[in-house]
PDB file of all heavy atoms in Angstrom:
ATOM      1  N   ASN A   1      25.863  -2.174 -20.378  1.00  0.00           N
ATOM      2  CA  ASN A   1      25.705  -1.463 -19.073  1.00  0.00           C
ATOM      3  C   ASN A   1      26.186  -0.096 -19.193  1.00  0.00           C
ATOM      4  O   ASN A   1      26.467   0.586 -18.087  1.00  0.00           O
ATOM      5  CB  ASN A   1      26.393  -2.172 -17.905  1.00  0.00           C
ATOM      6  CG  ASN A   1      26.057  -1.672 -16.509  1.00  0.00           C
ATOM      7  OD1 ASN A   1      24.809  -1.385 -16.319  1.00  0.00           O
ATOM      8  ND2 ASN A   1      26.994  -1.578 -15.662  1.00  0.00           N
ATOM      9  N   HIS A   2      26.264   0.513 -20.325  1.00  0.00           N
ATOM     10  CA  HIS A   2      26.634   1.924 -20.494  1.00  0.00           C
ATOM     11  C   HIS A   2      25.485   2.691 -20.962  1.00  0.00           C
ATOM     12  O   HIS A   2      24.880   2.407 -22.047  1.00  0.00           O
ATOM     13  CB  HIS A   2      27.899   2.089 -21.439  1.00  0.00           C
ATOM     14  CG  HIS A   2      28.252   3.536 -21.607  1.00  0.00           C
ATOM     15  ND1 HIS A   2      29.020   4.065 -20.652  1.00  0.00           N
ATOM     16  CD2 HIS A   2      27.985   4.488 -22.446  1.00  0.00           C
ATOM     17  CE1 HIS A   2      29.282   5.343 -20.985  1.00  0.00           C
ATOM     18  NE2 HIS A   2      28.591   5.625 -22.107  1.00  0.00           N
ATOM     19  N   GLN A   3      25.108   3.721 -20.245  1.00  0.00           N
ATOM     20  CA  GLN A   3      23.954   4.479 -20.612  1.00  0.00           C
ATOM     21  C   GLN A   3      24.326   5.811 -21.108  1.00  0.00           C
ATOM     22  O   GLN A   3      25.422   6.347 -20.815  1.00  0.00           O
ATOM     23  CB  GLN A   3      23.048   4.632 -19.334  1.00  0.00           C
ATOM     24  CG  GLN A   3      22.791   3.309 -18.472  1.00  0.00           C
ATOM     25  CD  GLN A   3      22.163   2.272 -19.347  1.00  0.00           C
ATOM     26  OE1 GLN A   3      21.272   2.558 -20.209  1.00  0.00           O
ATOM     27  NE2 GLN A   3      22.566   1.053 -19.175  1.00  0.00           N
ATOM     28  N   PRO A   4      23.471   6.473 -21.846  1.00  0.00           N
ATOM     29  CA  PRO A   4      23.772   7.833 -22.443  1.00  0.00           C
ATOM     30  C   PRO A   4      24.133   8.809 -21.502  1.00  0.00           C
ATOM     31  O   PRO A   4      24.962   9.698 -21.706  1.00  0.00           O
ATOM     32  CB  PRO A   4      22.442   8.164 -23.193  1.00  0.00           C
ATOM     33  CG  PRO A   4      21.835   6.873 -23.457  1.00  0.00           C
ATOM     34  CD  PRO A   4      22.045   6.013 -22.324  1.00  0.00           C
ATOM     35  N   ASP A   5      23.535   8.814 -20.250  1.00  0.00           N
ATOM     36  CA  ASP A   5      23.951   9.820 -19.288  1.00  0.00           C
ATOM     37  C   ASP A   5      25.176   9.529 -18.639  1.00  0.00           C
ATOM     38  O   ASP A   5      25.642  10.410 -17.724  1.00  0.00           O
ATOM     39  CB  ASP A   5      22.748   9.964 -18.175  1.00  0.00           C
ATOM     40  CG  ASP A   5      22.560   8.709 -17.362  1.00  0.00           C
ATOM     41  OD1 ASP A   5      23.217   7.632 -17.685  1.00  0.00           O
ATOM     42  OD2 ASP A   5      21.737   8.670 -16.527  1.00  0.00           O
ATOM     43  N   GLU A   6      25.952   8.438 -19.076  1.00  0.00           N
ATOM     44  CA  GLU A   6      27.217   8.197 -18.475  1.00  0.00           C
ATOM     45  C   GLU A   6      28.292   8.701 -19.449  1.00  0.00           C
ATOM     46  O   GLU A   6      29.486   8.433 -19.206  1.00  0.00           O
ATOM     47  CB  GLU A   6      27.358   6.682 -18.273  1.00  0.00           C
ATOM     48  CG  GLU A   6      26.511   6.243 -17.141  1.00  0.00           C
ATOM     49  CD  GLU A   6      26.553   4.706 -16.927  1.00  0.00           C
ATOM     50  OE1 GLU A   6      26.583   3.978 -17.952  1.00  0.00           O
ATOM     51  OE2 GLU A   6      26.369   4.256 -15.827  1.00  0.00           O
ATOM     52  N   GLY A   7      27.903   9.482 -20.421  1.00  0.00           N
ATOM     53  CA  GLY A   7      28.939  10.064 -21.412  1.00  0.00           C
ATOM     54  C   GLY A   7      29.281   9.123 -22.547  1.00  0.00           C
ATOM     55  O   GLY A   7      28.591   8.172 -22.838  1.00  0.00           O
ATOM     56  N   ASP A   8      30.379   9.508 -23.235  1.00  0.00           N
ATOM     57  CA  ASP A   8      30.832   8.826 -24.370  1.00  0.00           C
ATOM     58  C   ASP A   8      31.499   7.499 -23.959  1.00  0.00           C
ATOM     59  O   ASP A   8      32.358   7.539 -23.112  1.00  0.00           O
ATOM     60  CB  ASP A   8      31.867   9.703 -25.132  1.00  0.00           C
ATOM     61  CG  ASP A   8      32.401   9.039 -26.356  1.00  0.00           C
ATOM     62  OD1 ASP A   8      33.401   8.278 -26.240  1.00  0.00           O
ATOM     63  OD2 ASP A   8      31.770   9.167 -27.396  1.00  0.00           O
ATOM     64  N   TYR A   9      30.989   6.399 -24.529  1.00  0.00           N
ATOM     65  CA  TYR A   9      31.544   5.136 -24.087  1.00  0.00           C
ATOM     66  C   TYR A   9      32.972   4.962 -24.379  1.00  0.00           C
ATOM     67  O   TYR A   9      33.673   4.461 -23.575  1.00  0.00           O
ATOM     68  CB  TYR A   9      30.755   3.937 -24.815  1.00  0.00           C
ATOM     69  CG  TYR A   9      31.399   2.578 -24.444  1.00  0.00           C
ATOM     70  CD1 TYR A   9      31.293   2.014 -23.250  1.00  0.00           C
ATOM     71  CD2 TYR A   9      32.221   1.975 -25.416  1.00  0.00           C
ATOM     72  CE1 TYR A   9      31.961   0.831 -22.963  1.00  0.00           C
ATOM     73  CE2 TYR A   9      32.850   0.806 -25.148  1.00  0.00           C
ATOM     74  CZ  TYR A   9      32.720   0.286 -23.961  1.00  0.00           C
ATOM     75  OH  TYR A   9      33.414  -0.990 -23.585  1.00  0.00           O
ATOM     76  N   LEU A  10      33.474   5.381 -25.642  1.00  0.00           N
ATOM     77  CA  LEU A  10      34.857   5.242 -25.895  1.00  0.00           C
ATOM     78  C   LEU A  10      35.815   5.989 -25.045  1.00  0.00           C
ATOM     79  O   LEU A  10      36.844   5.435 -24.650  1.00  0.00           O
ATOM     80  CB  LEU A  10      35.132   5.592 -27.372  1.00  0.00           C
ATOM     81  CG  LEU A  10      34.325   4.735 -28.415  1.00  0.00           C
ATOM     82  CD1 LEU A  10      34.685   5.212 -29.834  1.00  0.00           C
ATOM     83  CD2 LEU A  10      34.838   3.243 -28.288  1.00  0.00           C
ATOM     84  N   LYS A  11      35.324   7.059 -24.450  1.00  0.00           N
ATOM     85  CA  LYS A  11      36.094   7.754 -23.474  1.00  0.00           C
ATOM     86  C   LYS A  11      36.095   6.976 -22.187  1.00  0.00           C
ATOM     87  O   LYS A  11      37.194   6.918 -21.412  1.00  0.00           O
ATOM     88  CB  LYS A  11      35.575   9.171 -23.277  1.00  0.00           C
ATOM     89  CG  LYS A  11      35.749  10.113 -24.470  1.00  0.00           C
ATOM     90  CD  LYS A  11      35.262  11.482 -24.268  1.00  0.00           C
ATOM     91  CE  LYS A  11      35.470  12.399 -25.465  1.00  0.00           C
ATOM     92  NZ  LYS A  11      34.936  13.770 -25.283  1.00  0.00           N
ATOM     93  N   ARG A  12      35.022   6.461 -21.831  1.00  0.00           N
ATOM     94  CA  ARG A  12      34.954   5.639 -20.567  1.00  0.00           C
ATOM     95  C   ARG A  12      35.940   4.382 -20.680  1.00  0.00           C
ATOM     96  O   ARG A  12      36.593   4.040 -19.813  1.00  0.00           O
ATOM     97  CB  ARG A  12      33.453   5.216 -20.350  1.00  0.00           C
ATOM     98  CG  ARG A  12      33.372   4.315 -19.046  1.00  0.00           C
ATOM     99  CD  ARG A  12      31.949   3.769 -18.875  1.00  0.00           C
ATOM    100  NE  ARG A  12      31.815   3.146 -17.628  1.00  0.00           N
ATOM    101  CZ  ARG A  12      30.693   2.599 -17.182  1.00  0.00           C
ATOM    102  NH1 ARG A  12      29.555   2.693 -17.866  1.00  0.00           N
ATOM    103  NH2 ARG A  12      30.650   1.907 -16.078  1.00  0.00           N
ATOM    104  N   LYS A  13      35.829   3.739 -21.857  1.00  0.00           N
ATOM    105  CA  LYS A  13      36.620   2.589 -22.080  1.00  0.00           C
ATOM    106  C   LYS A  13      38.161   3.057 -22.036  1.00  0.00           C
ATOM    107  O   LYS A  13      38.949   2.209 -21.445  1.00  0.00           O
ATOM    108  CB  LYS A  13      36.297   1.956 -23.491  1.00  0.00           C
ATOM    109  CG  LYS A  13      37.223   0.906 -23.928  1.00  0.00           C
ATOM    110  CD  LYS A  13      36.773   0.420 -25.294  1.00  0.00           C
ATOM    111  CE  LYS A  13      37.737  -0.604 -25.957  1.00  0.00           C
ATOM    112  NZ  LYS A  13      37.334  -0.951 -27.341  1.00  0.00           N
ATOM    113  N   ALA A  14      38.525   4.093 -22.622  1.00  0.00           N
ATOM    114  CA  ALA A  14      39.896   4.610 -22.573  1.00  0.00           C
ATOM    115  C   ALA A  14      40.369   4.869 -21.138  1.00  0.00           C
ATOM    116  O   ALA A  14      41.510   4.550 -20.700  1.00  0.00           O
ATOM    117  CB  ALA A  14      40.078   5.905 -23.482  1.00  0.00           C
ATOM    118  N   ARG A  15      39.426   5.430 -20.344  1.00  0.00           N
ATOM    119  CA  ARG A  15      39.807   5.751 -18.901  1.00  0.00           C
ATOM    120  C   ARG A  15      40.006   4.384 -18.146  1.00  0.00           C
ATOM    121  O   ARG A  15      41.044   4.252 -17.450  1.00  0.00           O
ATOM    122  CB  ARG A  15      38.727   6.521 -18.215  1.00  0.00           C
ATOM    123  CG  ARG A  15      38.559   8.004 -18.732  1.00  0.00           C
ATOM    124  CD  ARG A  15      37.627   8.757 -17.897  1.00  0.00           C
ATOM    125  NE  ARG A  15      36.282   8.333 -17.956  1.00  0.00           N
ATOM    126  CZ  ARG A  15      35.304   8.848 -18.744  1.00  0.00           C
ATOM    127  NH1 ARG A  15      35.696   9.840 -19.573  1.00  0.00           N
ATOM    128  NH2 ARG A  15      34.060   8.454 -18.726  1.00  0.00           N
ATOM    129  N   ALA A  16      39.092   3.457 -18.366  1.00  0.00           N
ATOM    130  CA  ALA A  16      39.194   2.140 -17.681  1.00  0.00           C
ATOM    131  C   ALA A  16      40.553   1.465 -18.086  1.00  0.00           C
ATOM    132  O   ALA A  16      41.240   0.908 -17.295  1.00  0.00           O
ATOM    133  CB  ALA A  16      38.064   1.260 -17.975  1.00  0.00           C
ATOM    134  N   GLN A  17      40.869   1.445 -19.357  1.00  0.00           N
ATOM    135  CA  GLN A  17      42.125   0.758 -19.834  1.00  0.00           C
ATOM    136  C   GLN A  17      43.375   1.483 -19.394  1.00  0.00           C
ATOM    137  O   GLN A  17      44.379   0.851 -19.082  1.00  0.00           O
ATOM    138  CB  GLN A  17      42.104   0.646 -21.321  1.00  0.00           C
ATOM    139  CG  GLN A  17      40.991  -0.392 -21.813  1.00  0.00           C
ATOM    140  CD  GLN A  17      41.006  -0.639 -23.270  1.00  0.00           C
ATOM    141  OE1 GLN A  17      41.580   0.095 -24.057  1.00  0.00           O
ATOM    142  NE2 GLN A  17      40.217  -1.668 -23.742  1.00  0.00           N
ATOM    143  N   ARG A  18      43.317   2.799 -19.320  1.00  0.00           N
ATOM    144  CA  ARG A  18      44.457   3.597 -18.779  1.00  0.00           C
ATOM    145  C   ARG A  18      44.636   3.174 -17.313  1.00  0.00           C
ATOM    146  O   ARG A  18      45.837   2.897 -16.971  1.00  0.00           O
ATOM    147  CB  ARG A  18      44.184   5.048 -18.848  1.00  0.00           C
ATOM    148  CG  ARG A  18      45.181   5.949 -18.138  1.00  0.00           C
ATOM    149  CD  ARG A  18      44.831   7.350 -18.228  1.00  0.00           C
ATOM    150  NE  ARG A  18      45.699   8.195 -17.398  1.00  0.00           N
ATOM    151  CZ  ARG A  18      45.686   9.552 -17.292  1.00  0.00           C
ATOM    152  NH1 ARG A  18      44.850  10.216 -18.021  1.00  0.00           N
ATOM    153  NH2 ARG A  18      46.442  10.150 -16.531  1.00  0.00           N
ATOM    154  N   VAL A  19      43.617   3.025 -16.488  1.00  0.00           N
ATOM    155  CA  VAL A  19      43.776   2.667 -15.118  1.00  0.00           C
ATOM    156  C   VAL A  19      44.214   1.262 -15.013  1.00  0.00           C
ATOM    157  O   VAL A  19      45.068   0.976 -14.093  1.00  0.00           O
ATOM    158  CB  VAL A  19      42.516   3.010 -14.290  1.00  0.00           C
ATOM    159  CG1 VAL A  19      42.622   2.546 -12.876  1.00  0.00           C
ATOM    160  CG2 VAL A  19      42.203   4.466 -14.401  1.00  0.00           C
ATOM    161  N   TYR A  20      43.748   0.369 -15.788  1.00  0.00           N
ATOM    162  CA  TYR A  20      44.183  -1.064 -15.754  1.00  0.00           C
ATOM    163  C   TYR A  20      45.748  -1.041 -16.066  1.00  0.00           C
ATOM    164  O   TYR A  20      46.483  -1.751 -15.426  1.00  0.00           O
ATOM    165  CB  TYR A  20      43.537  -1.767 -16.872  1.00  0.00           C
ATOM    166  CG  TYR A  20      43.628  -3.352 -16.886  1.00  0.00           C
ATOM    167  CD1 TYR A  20      42.762  -4.101 -16.006  1.00  0.00           C
ATOM    168  CD2 TYR A  20      44.620  -3.909 -17.582  1.00  0.00           C
ATOM    169  CE1 TYR A  20      42.933  -5.447 -16.029  1.00  0.00           C
ATOM    170  CE2 TYR A  20      44.771  -5.214 -17.534  1.00  0.00           C
ATOM    171  CZ  TYR A  20      43.998  -6.095 -16.773  1.00  0.00           C
ATOM    172  OH  TYR A  20      44.160  -7.433 -16.791  1.00  0.00           O
ATOM    173  N   ASP A  21      46.110  -0.227 -17.035  1.00  0.00           N
ATOM    174  CA  ASP A  21      47.604  -0.133 -17.349  1.00  0.00           C
ATOM    175  C   ASP A  21      48.343   0.377 -16.100  1.00  0.00           C
ATOM    176  O   ASP A  21      49.429  -0.169 -15.810  1.00  0.00           O
ATOM    177  CB  ASP A  21      47.820   0.745 -18.553  1.00  0.00           C
ATOM    178  CG  ASP A  21      49.166   0.668 -19.180  1.00  0.00           C
ATOM    179  OD1 ASP A  21      49.910  -0.228 -18.767  1.00  0.00           O
ATOM    180  OD2 ASP A  21      49.434   1.428 -20.123  1.00  0.00           O
ATOM    181  N   GLU A  22      47.916   1.364 -15.453  1.00  0.00           N
ATOM    182  CA  GLU A  22      48.547   1.956 -14.302  1.00  0.00           C
ATOM    183  C   GLU A  22      48.563   0.908 -13.155  1.00  0.00           C
ATOM    184  O   GLU A  22      49.622   0.829 -12.449  1.00  0.00           O
ATOM    185  CB  GLU A  22      47.772   3.158 -13.844  1.00  0.00           C
ATOM    186  CG  GLU A  22      47.810   4.398 -14.733  1.00  0.00           C
ATOM    187  CD  GLU A  22      46.967   5.431 -14.317  1.00  0.00           C
ATOM    188  OE1 GLU A  22      46.063   5.236 -13.333  1.00  0.00           O
ATOM    189  OE2 GLU A  22      47.083   6.567 -14.830  1.00  0.00           O
ATOM    190  N   TRP A  23      47.594   0.183 -12.906  1.00  0.00           N
ATOM    191  CA  TRP A  23      47.407  -0.560 -11.654  1.00  0.00           C
ATOM    192  C   TRP A  23      47.665  -2.028 -11.730  1.00  0.00           C
ATOM    193  O   TRP A  23      47.630  -2.702 -10.689  1.00  0.00           O
ATOM    194  CB  TRP A  23      45.970  -0.345 -11.020  1.00  0.00           C
ATOM    195  CG  TRP A  23      45.801   0.955 -10.412  1.00  0.00           C
ATOM    196  CD1 TRP A  23      45.626   2.187 -10.854  1.00  0.00           C
ATOM    197  CD2 TRP A  23      45.927   1.118  -8.898  1.00  0.00           C
ATOM    198  NE1 TRP A  23      45.591   3.068  -9.873  1.00  0.00           N
ATOM    199  CE2 TRP A  23      45.736   2.547  -8.643  1.00  0.00           C
ATOM    200  CE3 TRP A  23      46.151   0.248  -7.867  1.00  0.00           C
ATOM    201  CZ2 TRP A  23      45.863   3.043  -7.366  1.00  0.00           C
ATOM    202  CZ3 TRP A  23      46.274   0.790  -6.597  1.00  0.00           C
ATOM    203  CH2 TRP A  23      46.017   2.110  -6.354  1.00  0.00           C
ATOM    204  N   MET A  24      47.951  -2.613 -12.924  1.00  0.00           N
ATOM    205  CA  MET A  24      48.121  -3.995 -13.115  1.00  0.00           C
ATOM    206  C   MET A  24      49.498  -4.319 -13.515  1.00  0.00           C
ATOM    207  O   MET A  24      50.105  -3.559 -14.359  1.00  0.00           O
ATOM    208  CB  MET A  24      47.137  -4.602 -14.105  1.00  0.00           C
ATOM    209  CG  MET A  24      45.675  -4.449 -13.647  1.00  0.00           C
ATOM    210  SD  MET A  24      45.255  -5.446 -12.141  1.00  0.00           S
ATOM    211  CE  MET A  24      45.387  -7.137 -12.805  1.00  0.00           C
ATOM    212  N   PRO A  25      50.149  -5.423 -13.032  1.00  0.00           N
ATOM    213  CA  PRO A  25      51.518  -5.798 -13.484  1.00  0.00           C
ATOM    214  C   PRO A  25      51.542  -6.525 -14.793  1.00  0.00           C
ATOM    215  O   PRO A  25      51.714  -7.694 -14.900  1.00  0.00           O
ATOM    216  CB  PRO A  25      51.953  -6.655 -12.259  1.00  0.00           C
ATOM    217  CG  PRO A  25      50.709  -7.379 -11.770  1.00  0.00           C
ATOM    218  CD  PRO A  25      49.554  -6.378 -12.002  1.00  0.00           C
ATOM    219  N   VAL A  26      51.190  -5.863 -15.852  1.00  0.00           N
ATOM    220  CA  VAL A  26      51.034  -6.491 -17.151  1.00  0.00           C
ATOM    221  C   VAL A  26      51.650  -5.557 -18.262  1.00  0.00           C
ATOM    222  O   VAL A  26      51.768  -4.319 -18.003  1.00  0.00           O
ATOM    223  CB  VAL A  26      49.534  -6.648 -17.451  1.00  0.00           C
ATOM    224  CG1 VAL A  26      48.759  -5.269 -17.432  1.00  0.00           C
ATOM    225  CG2 VAL A  26      49.269  -7.332 -18.783  1.00  0.00           C
ATOM    226  N   ARG A  27      52.119  -6.133 -19.333  1.00  0.00           N
ATOM    227  CA  ARG A  27      52.554  -5.392 -20.434  1.00  0.00           C
ATOM    228  C   ARG A  27      51.438  -5.114 -21.415  1.00  0.00           C
ATOM    229  O   ARG A  27      50.774  -6.169 -21.868  1.00  0.00           O
ATOM    230  CB  ARG A  27      53.725  -6.121 -21.161  1.00  0.00           C
ATOM    231  CG  ARG A  27      55.012  -6.239 -20.326  1.00  0.00           C
ATOM    232  CD  ARG A  27      56.060  -7.008 -21.131  1.00  0.00           C
ATOM    233  NE  ARG A  27      57.177  -7.304 -20.280  1.00  0.00           N
ATOM    234  CZ  ARG A  27      57.373  -8.372 -19.598  1.00  0.00           C
ATOM    235  NH1 ARG A  27      56.383  -9.269 -19.555  1.00  0.00           N
ATOM    236  NH2 ARG A  27      58.436  -8.501 -18.861  1.00  0.00           N
ATOM    237  N   LEU A  28      51.182  -3.939 -21.756  1.00  0.00           N
ATOM    238  CA  LEU A  28      50.216  -3.532 -22.835  1.00  0.00           C
ATOM    239  C   LEU A  28      51.051  -3.121 -24.015  1.00  0.00           C
ATOM    240  O   LEU A  28      51.942  -2.275 -23.840  1.00  0.00           O
ATOM    241  CB  LEU A  28      49.227  -2.487 -22.443  1.00  0.00           C
ATOM    242  CG  LEU A  28      48.258  -2.909 -21.307  1.00  0.00           C
ATOM    243  CD1 LEU A  28      47.243  -1.778 -21.093  1.00  0.00           C
ATOM    244  CD2 LEU A  28      47.490  -4.158 -21.623  1.00  0.00           C
ATOM    245  N   SER A  29      50.723  -3.630 -25.234  1.00  0.00           N
ATOM    246  CA  SER A  29      51.491  -3.316 -26.420  1.00  0.00           C
ATOM    247  C   SER A  29      52.990  -3.696 -26.208  1.00  0.00           C
ATOM    248  O   SER A  29      53.851  -3.043 -26.879  1.00  0.00           O
ATOM    249  CB  SER A  29      51.285  -1.865 -26.806  1.00  0.00           C
ATOM    250  OG  SER A  29      49.913  -1.555 -27.187  1.00  0.00           O
ATOM    251  N   GLY A  30      53.184  -4.690 -25.419  1.00  0.00           N
ATOM    252  CA  GLY A  30      54.484  -5.191 -25.317  1.00  0.00           C
ATOM    253  C   GLY A  30      55.482  -4.526 -24.406  1.00  0.00           C
ATOM    254  O   GLY A  30      56.656  -4.971 -24.166  1.00  0.00           O
ATOM    255  N   THR A  31      55.002  -3.527 -23.649  1.00  0.00           N
ATOM    256  CA  THR A  31      55.883  -2.859 -22.648  1.00  0.00           C
ATOM    257  C   THR A  31      55.174  -2.610 -21.427  1.00  0.00           C
ATOM    258  O   THR A  31      53.935  -2.635 -21.222  1.00  0.00           O
ATOM    259  CB  THR A  31      56.362  -1.419 -23.342  1.00  0.00           C
ATOM    260  OG1 THR A  31      55.244  -0.440 -23.081  1.00  0.00           O
ATOM    261  CG2 THR A  31      56.592  -1.472 -24.677  1.00  0.00           C
ATOM    262  N   ALA A  32      55.977  -2.383 -20.349  1.00  0.00           N
ATOM    263  CA  ALA A  32      55.466  -2.025 -19.048  1.00  0.00           C
ATOM    264  C   ALA A  32      55.241  -0.470 -18.899  1.00  0.00           C
ATOM    265  O   ALA A  32      54.722  -0.124 -17.833  1.00  0.00           O
ATOM    266  CB  ALA A  32      56.509  -2.425 -17.897  1.00  0.00           C
ATOM    267  N   ALA A  33      55.656   0.234 -19.882  1.00  0.00           N
ATOM    268  CA  ALA A  33      55.381   1.735 -19.827  1.00  0.00           C
ATOM    269  C   ALA A  33      53.952   1.967 -19.979  1.00  0.00           C
ATOM    270  O   ALA A  33      53.178   1.214 -20.631  1.00  0.00           O
ATOM    271  CB  ALA A  33      56.121   2.435 -21.044  1.00  0.00           C
ATOM    272  N   THR A  34      53.433   3.000 -19.220  1.00  0.00           N
ATOM    273  CA  THR A  34      51.988   3.366 -19.275  1.00  0.00           C
ATOM    274  C   THR A  34      51.718   4.299 -20.400  1.00  0.00           C
ATOM    275  O   THR A  34      52.530   5.121 -20.746  1.00  0.00           O
ATOM    276  CB  THR A  34      51.519   3.838 -17.984  1.00  0.00           C
ATOM    277  OG1 THR A  34      52.336   5.013 -17.563  1.00  0.00           O
ATOM    278  CG2 THR A  34      51.666   2.847 -16.839  1.00  0.00           C
ATOM    279  N   GLY A  35      50.489   4.149 -21.043  1.00  0.00           N
ATOM    280  CA  GLY A  35      50.124   5.196 -21.996  1.00  0.00           C
ATOM    281  C   GLY A  35      50.625   4.978 -23.321  1.00  0.00           C
ATOM    282  O   GLY A  35      50.412   5.783 -24.235  1.00  0.00           O
TER     283      GLY A  35
END
């Protein structure tokens, strides 16, 4: 569901995972720190 006119997929994925890290009560890479 990612189309060429939506830009670079890896950048979109990075944005989505960044926001998931910000908005969800979960540890990524073992910590609650974001980014």
